[in-house]
Protein backbone atom coordinates (compact mmCIF):
# COMPACT_ATOMS: atom_id res chain seq x y z
CA GLN A 1 0.00 0.00 0.00
CA VAL A 2 1.28 3.44 -0.96
CA GLN A 3 1.09 6.34 1.44
CA LEU A 4 1.92 9.98 0.83
CA VAL A 5 2.50 12.08 3.94
CA GLU A 6 2.49 15.83 3.52
CA SER A 7 3.65 18.41 6.01
CA GLY A 8 4.63 22.06 6.28
CA GLY A 9 1.40 23.91 5.71
CA GLY A 10 0.19 26.66 7.98
CA LEU A 11 -0.71 30.31 8.37
CA VAL A 12 1.71 32.97 7.19
CA GLN A 13 1.55 36.68 6.44
CA ALA A 14 1.84 37.98 2.92
CA GLY A 15 5.46 38.12 1.88
CA GLY A 16 6.38 35.22 4.10
CA SER A 17 7.66 31.73 3.29
CA LEU A 18 6.67 28.13 3.87
CA ARG A 19 8.21 24.82 2.89
CA LEU A 20 6.02 21.86 2.09
CA SER A 21 7.22 18.26 2.15
CA CYS A 22 5.68 15.08 0.78
CA ALA A 23 7.16 11.67 1.50
CA ALA A 24 6.03 8.57 -0.37
CA SER A 25 6.27 5.19 1.33
CA GLY A 26 5.06 1.66 0.79
CA SER A 27 5.11 -0.53 -2.28
CA ILE A 28 5.96 2.16 -4.77
CA ALA A 29 8.37 1.76 -7.64
CA GLY A 30 9.06 3.42 -10.93
CA ILE A 31 8.37 6.99 -9.86
CA PHE A 32 8.90 9.20 -12.88
CA VAL A 33 7.37 12.47 -11.65
CA MET A 34 6.43 14.21 -8.42
CA ALA A 35 4.31 17.33 -8.39
CA TRP A 36 2.29 19.80 -6.38
CA TYR A 37 -1.24 20.94 -7.10
CA ARG A 38 -3.50 23.25 -5.14
CA GLN A 39 -7.18 23.89 -4.73
CA ALA A 40 -8.65 27.12 -3.42
CA PRO A 41 -12.21 27.28 -2.06
CA GLY A 42 -14.73 27.25 -4.87
CA LYS A 43 -12.07 26.64 -7.53
CA GLN A 44 -10.78 23.66 -9.45
CA ARG A 45 -7.56 21.96 -8.51
CA GLU A 46 -4.68 23.52 -10.43
CA PHE A 47 -1.12 22.59 -11.26
CA VAL A 48 1.64 24.32 -9.31
CA ALA A 49 4.95 22.61 -10.08
CA ARG A 50 6.45 19.28 -11.11
CA ILE A 51 9.85 17.63 -11.05
CA SER A 52 10.88 14.58 -13.03
CA ARG A 53 13.10 11.82 -11.73
CA SER A 54 15.94 13.36 -13.74
CA GLY A 55 15.43 16.72 -12.06
CA SER A 56 13.76 18.76 -14.78
CA THR A 57 11.14 21.15 -13.45
CA ASN A 58 8.05 23.01 -14.62
CA TYR A 59 6.05 25.72 -12.88
CA ALA A 60 2.72 27.43 -13.26
CA ASP A 61 3.15 30.99 -14.42
CA SER A 62 1.53 32.26 -11.23
CA VAL A 63 4.33 30.88 -9.05
CA LYS A 64 7.41 31.22 -11.27
CA GLY A 65 10.20 33.03 -9.50
CA ARG A 66 8.58 32.56 -6.09
CA PHE A 67 8.25 28.78 -5.64
CA THR A 68 10.95 26.15 -6.01
CA ILE A 69 10.31 22.42 -6.28
CA SER A 70 13.01 19.93 -5.39
CA GLY A 71 13.22 16.22 -4.76
CA ASP A 72 15.19 13.58 -2.93
CA ASN A 73 15.00 10.42 -5.02
CA ALA A 74 16.59 8.26 -2.34
CA LYS A 75 13.84 9.25 0.10
CA ASN A 76 11.00 9.44 -2.45
CA THR A 77 10.33 12.91 -1.11
CA VAL A 78 9.38 16.12 -2.85
CA TYR A 79 9.59 19.63 -1.44
CA LEU A 80 8.01 22.94 -2.35
CA GLN A 81 9.75 26.07 -1.10
CA MET A 82 7.28 28.93 -1.27
CA ASN A 83 8.58 32.48 -0.95
CA SER A 84 6.94 35.89 -1.32
CA LEU A 85 3.59 34.32 -0.56
CA LYS A 86 0.45 36.18 -1.57
CA PRO A 87 -3.12 35.90 -0.27
CA GLU A 88 -4.09 34.33 -3.60
CA ASP A 89 -1.75 31.43 -2.80
CA THR A 90 -4.19 30.37 -0.08
CA ALA A 91 -5.34 26.84 -0.87
CA VAL A 92 -5.07 23.20 0.07
CA TYR A 93 -1.86 21.90 -1.47
CA TYR A 94 -1.72 18.30 -2.69
CA CYS A 95 1.29 16.31 -3.75
CA LEU A 96 1.15 13.83 -6.59
CA VAL A 97 3.46 10.93 -7.34
CA GLY A 98 3.35 9.41 -10.78
CA VAL A 99 4.31 5.84 -11.64
CA PRO A 100 3.54 4.00 -14.89
CA GLY A 101 -0.22 3.65 -15.12
CA LYS A 102 -1.15 5.37 -11.89
CA ASN A 103 -1.06 8.63 -9.95
CA TYR A 104 -1.04 8.76 -6.17
CA TRP A 105 -2.33 11.80 -4.28
CA GLY A 106 -1.56 13.07 -0.81
CA GLN A 107 -4.25 14.06 1.66
CA GLY A 108 -3.55 17.76 1.28
CA THR A 109 -2.11 20.41 3.56
CA GLN A 110 -3.68 23.82 4.15
CA VAL A 111 -1.73 26.96 3.32
CA THR A 112 -3.29 30.25 4.39
CA VAL A 113 -1.71 33.58 3.54
CA SER A 114 -3.08 36.61 5.38
CA SER A 115 -2.93 40.12 3.97
């Protein structure tokens, strides 16, 4: 059974920083991508950032230059460093782990940015 454990969410003032972590454990093999998505109240879940096993990264335009995704392949862990946070970054953040034929989702961690 695969389990994704997220941590690092919380309440922060605008302009502040947070670091999210997501660790995958269990019978998981062949990870080729790890990513972060977010969902704000009343909105659809949206892509934030992804990192491939080889280290290549992609970001949503809304977070470029402010967020950095990184990964530790040995630990099957992905991180999201979020700087210069804005109130519009408030959302539940979900990690995703992709293996051939299946995506696994974390339970989500709340990020709230106050103005």
